[in-house]
PDB file of N, CA and C in Angstrom:
ATOM      1  N   MET A   1       2.557 -11.758 -28.339  1.00  0.00           N
ATOM      2  CA  MET A   1       1.606 -11.216 -27.382  1.00  0.00           C
ATOM      3  C   MET A   1       2.293 -10.860 -26.061  1.00  0.00           C
ATOM      4  N   GLU A   2       3.264 -11.671 -25.708  1.00  0.00           N
ATOM      5  CA  GLU A   2       3.987 -11.420 -24.457  1.00  0.00           C
ATOM      6  C   GLU A   2       4.782 -10.117 -24.538  1.00  0.00           C
ATOM      7  N   GLN A   3       5.289  -9.802 -25.724  1.00  0.00           N
ATOM      8  CA  GLN A   3       6.028  -8.550 -25.902  1.00  0.00           C
ATOM      9  C   GLN A   3       5.107  -7.353 -25.662  1.00  0.00           C
ATOM     10  N   VAL A   4       3.879  -7.451 -26.148  1.00  0.00           N
ATOM     11  CA  VAL A   4       2.928  -6.356 -25.959  1.00  0.00           C
ATOM     12  C   VAL A   4       2.640  -6.162 -24.473  1.00  0.00           C
ATOM     13  N   ASP A   5       2.511  -7.258 -23.737  1.00  0.00           N
ATOM     14  CA  ASP A   5       2.286  -7.167 -22.297  1.00  0.00           C
ATOM     15  C   ASP A   5       3.459  -6.504 -21.590  1.00  0.00           C
ATOM     16  N   LYS A   6       4.674  -6.841 -21.987  1.00  0.00           N
ATOM     17  CA  LYS A   6       5.865  -6.227 -21.394  1.00  0.00           C
ATOM     18  C   LYS A   6       5.902  -4.739 -21.671  1.00  0.00           C
ATOM     19  N   ILE A   7       5.581  -4.357 -22.914  1.00  0.00           N
ATOM     20  CA  ILE A   7       5.580  -2.940 -23.283  1.00  0.00           C
ATOM     21  C   ILE A   7       4.530  -2.187 -22.493  1.00  0.00           C
ATOM     22  N   LEU A   8       3.336  -2.753 -22.370  1.00  0.00           N
ATOM     23  CA  LEU A   8       2.273  -2.102 -21.596  1.00  0.00           C
ATOM     24  C   LEU A   8       2.670  -1.948 -20.132  1.00  0.00           C
ATOM     25  N   GLU A   9       3.328  -2.948 -19.573  1.00  0.00           N
ATOM     26  CA  GLU A   9       3.755  -2.877 -18.178  1.00  0.00           C
ATOM     27  C   GLU A   9       4.778  -1.761 -17.999  1.00  0.00           C
ATOM     28  N   LYS A  10       5.727  -1.638 -18.932  1.00  0.00           N
ATOM     29  CA  LYS A  10       6.719  -0.561 -18.859  1.00  0.00           C
ATOM     30  C   LYS A  10       6.051   0.807 -18.965  1.00  0.00           C
ATOM     31  N   LEU A  11       5.076   0.922 -19.861  1.00  0.00           N
ATOM     32  CA  LEU A  11       4.364   2.192 -20.011  1.00  0.00           C
ATOM     33  C   LEU A  11       3.637   2.560 -18.714  1.00  0.00           C
ATOM     34  N   LYS A  12       3.042   1.574 -18.059  1.00  0.00           N
ATOM     35  CA  LYS A  12       2.362   1.834 -16.786  1.00  0.00           C
ATOM     36  C   LYS A  12       3.360   2.347 -15.750  1.00  0.00           C
ATOM     37  N   GLU A  13       4.531   1.712 -15.690  1.00  0.00           N
ATOM     38  CA  GLU A  13       5.559   2.126 -14.723  1.00  0.00           C
ATOM     39  C   GLU A  13       6.022   3.560 -15.008  1.00  0.00           C
ATOM     40  N   TRP A  14       6.265   3.868 -16.268  1.00  0.00           N
ATOM     41  CA  TRP A  14       6.737   5.213 -16.624  1.00  0.00           C
ATOM     42  C   TRP A  14       5.677   6.262 -16.331  1.00  0.00           C
ATOM     43  N   THR A  15       4.427   5.972 -16.673  1.00  0.00           N
ATOM     44  CA  THR A  15       3.388   6.968 -16.408  1.00  0.00           C
ATOM     45  C   THR A  15       3.219   7.167 -14.906  1.00  0.00           C
ATOM     46  N   GLN A  16       3.347   6.108 -14.126  1.00  0.00           N
ATOM     47  CA  GLN A  16       3.260   6.242 -12.670  1.00  0.00           C
ATOM     48  C   GLN A  16       4.399   7.122 -12.145  1.00  0.00           C
ATOM     49  N   LYS A  17       5.609   6.942 -12.676  1.00  0.00           N
ATOM     50  CA  LYS A  17       6.747   7.766 -12.256  1.00  0.00           C
ATOM     51  C   LYS A  17       6.526   9.220 -12.634  1.00  0.00           C
ATOM     52  N   VAL A  18       5.987   9.483 -13.831  1.00  0.00           N
ATOM     53  CA  VAL A  18       5.725  10.860 -14.252  1.00  0.00           C
ATOM     54  C   VAL A  18       4.676  11.499 -13.357  1.00  0.00           C
ATOM     55  N   ILE A  19       3.615  10.767 -13.061  1.00  0.00           N
ATOM     56  CA  ILE A  19       2.546  11.294 -12.195  1.00  0.00           C
ATOM     57  C   ILE A  19       3.099  11.593 -10.811  1.00  0.00           C
ATOM     58  N   GLU A  20       3.927  10.700 -10.273  1.00  0.00           N
ATOM     59  CA  GLU A  20       4.520  10.937  -8.955  1.00  0.00           C
ATOM     60  C   GLU A  20       5.440  12.150  -8.980  1.00  0.00           C
ATOM     61  N   ALA A  21       6.179  12.329 -10.064  1.00  0.00           N
ATOM     62  CA  ALA A  21       7.077  13.484 -10.166  1.00  0.00           C
ATOM     63  C   ALA A  21       6.288  14.787 -10.238  1.00  0.00           C
ATOM     64  N   LEU A  22       5.161  14.777 -10.907  1.00  0.00           N
ATOM     65  CA  LEU A  22       4.357  15.987 -11.054  1.00  0.00           C
ATOM     66  C   LEU A  22       3.520  16.304  -9.823  1.00  0.00           C
ATOM     67  N   PHE A  23       2.884  15.314  -9.268  1.00  0.00           N
ATOM     68  CA  PHE A  23       1.907  15.535  -8.204  1.00  0.00           C
ATOM     69  C   PHE A  23       2.329  14.995  -6.855  1.00  0.00           C
ATOM     70  N   GLY A  24       3.485  14.391  -6.750  1.00  0.00           N
ATOM     71  CA  GLY A  24       3.932  13.803  -5.509  1.00  0.00           C
ATOM     72  C   GLY A  24       3.465  12.363  -5.426  1.00  0.00           C
ATOM     73  N   PRO A  25       4.038  11.604  -4.515  1.00  0.00           N
ATOM     74  CA  PRO A  25       3.667  10.195  -4.383  1.00  0.00           C
ATOM     75  C   PRO A  25       2.215  10.040  -3.948  1.00  0.00           C
ATOM     76  N   GLU A  26       1.637   8.932  -4.319  1.00  0.00           N
ATOM     77  CA  GLU A  26       0.251   8.634  -3.943  1.00  0.00           C
ATOM     78  C   GLU A  26       0.193   8.463  -2.439  1.00  0.00           C
ATOM     79  N   SER A  27      -0.710   9.164  -1.809  1.00  0.00           N
ATOM     80  CA  SER A  27      -0.788   9.097  -0.353  1.00  0.00           C
ATOM     81  C   SER A  27      -1.389   7.762   0.084  1.00  0.00           C
ATOM     82  N   GLN A  28      -0.757   7.193   1.091  1.00  0.00           N
ATOM     83  CA  GLN A  28      -1.230   5.927   1.646  1.00  0.00           C
ATOM     84  C   GLN A  28      -2.044   6.216   2.896  1.00  0.00           C
ATOM     85  N   PRO A  29      -3.249   5.703   2.973  1.00  0.00           N
ATOM     86  CA  PRO A  29      -4.040   5.939   4.193  1.00  0.00           C
ATOM     87  C   PRO A  29      -3.399   5.231   5.384  1.00  0.00           C
ATOM     88  N   GLU A  30      -3.515   5.864   6.551  1.00  0.00           N
ATOM     89  CA  GLU A  30      -2.957   5.240   7.744  1.00  0.00           C
ATOM     90  C   GLU A  30      -3.734   3.997   8.112  1.00  0.00           C
ATOM     91  N   ALA A  31      -3.025   2.997   8.524  1.00  0.00           N
ATOM     92  CA  ALA A  31      -3.691   1.757   8.932  1.00  0.00           C
ATOM     93  C   ALA A  31      -4.416   1.995  10.250  1.00  0.00           C
ATOM     94  N   GLU A  32      -5.645   1.509  10.330  1.00  0.00           N
ATOM     95  CA  GLU A  32      -6.407   1.649  11.568  1.00  0.00           C
ATOM     96  C   GLU A  32      -5.996   0.569  12.535  1.00  0.00           C
ATOM     97  N   LEU A  33      -5.850   0.935  13.793  1.00  0.00           N
ATOM     98  CA  LEU A  33      -5.515  -0.030  14.813  1.00  0.00           C
ATOM     99  C   LEU A  33      -6.744  -0.872  15.127  1.00  0.00           C
ATOM    100  N   ILE A  34      -6.537  -2.164  15.259  1.00  0.00           N
ATOM    101  CA  ILE A  34      -7.640  -3.064  15.559  1.00  0.00           C
ATOM    102  C   ILE A  34      -7.534  -3.452  17.022  1.00  0.00           C
ATOM    103  N   PRO A  35      -8.573  -3.159  17.819  1.00  0.00           N
ATOM    104  CA  PRO A  35      -8.518  -3.540  19.227  1.00  0.00           C
ATOM    105  C   PRO A  35      -8.565  -5.058  19.384  1.00  0.00           C
ATOM    106  N   ILE A  36      -7.712  -5.554  20.249  1.00  0.00           N
ATOM    107  CA  ILE A  36      -7.649  -6.998  20.504  1.00  0.00           C
ATOM    108  C   ILE A  36      -8.201  -7.244  21.902  1.00  0.00           C
ATOM    109  N   PRO A  37      -9.264  -8.016  22.011  1.00  0.00           N
ATOM    110  CA  PRO A  37      -9.823  -8.283  23.342  1.00  0.00           C
ATOM    111  C   PRO A  37      -8.867  -9.149  24.173  1.00  0.00           C
ATOM    112  N   VAL A  38      -8.697  -8.754  25.419  1.00  0.00           N
ATOM    113  CA  VAL A  38      -7.819  -9.482  26.321  1.00  0.00           C
ATOM    114  C   VAL A  38      -8.583  -9.768  27.594  1.00  0.00           C
ATOM    115  N   LYS A  39      -8.540 -11.034  28.022  1.00  0.00           N
ATOM    116  CA  LYS A  39      -9.196 -11.402  29.278  1.00  0.00           C
ATOM    117  C   LYS A  39      -8.277 -10.958  30.418  1.00  0.00           C
ATOM    118  N   ASP A  40      -8.815 -10.125  31.285  1.00  0.00           N
ATOM    119  CA  ASP A  40      -8.025  -9.590  32.387  1.00  0.00           C
ATOM    120  C   ASP A  40      -8.453 -10.291  33.668  1.00  0.00           C
ATOM    121  N   TYR A  41      -7.727 -11.344  34.038  1.00  0.00           N
ATOM    122  CA  TYR A  41      -8.046 -12.097  35.245  1.00  0.00           C
ATOM    123  C   TYR A  41      -7.423 -11.391  36.454  1.00  0.00           C
ATOM    124  N   PRO A  42      -8.125 -11.365  37.586  1.00  0.00           N
ATOM    125  CA  PRO A  42      -7.513 -10.766  38.787  1.00  0.00           C
ATOM    126  C   PRO A  42      -6.303 -11.587  39.233  1.00  0.00           C
ATOM    127  N   ARG A  43      -5.279 -10.893  39.652  1.00  0.00           N
ATOM    128  CA  ARG A  43      -4.059 -11.578  40.076  1.00  0.00           C
ATOM    129  C   ARG A  43      -4.215 -12.051  41.509  1.00  0.00           C
ATOM    130  N   ARG A  44      -3.686 -13.218  41.786  1.00  0.00           N
ATOM    131  CA  ARG A  44      -3.776 -13.804  43.136  1.00  0.00           C
ATOM    132  C   ARG A  44      -2.392 -13.816  43.768  1.00  0.00           C
ATOM    133  N   TYR A  45      -2.026 -12.715  44.367  1.00  0.00           N
ATOM    134  CA  TYR A  45      -0.732 -12.630  45.043  1.00  0.00           C
ATOM    135  C   TYR A  45      -0.933 -12.442  46.504  1.00  0.00           C
TER     136      TYR A  45
END
């Protein structure tokens, strides 16, 4: 059964490579920036 899993994994890798070769790499969405709240205390100089 483990051999079948290895073969299926290799087939997935090969098909992914063929798809990337034909259509280009899968586009990754840009990560959205997450605003971080910062307490802005007045400076005492």
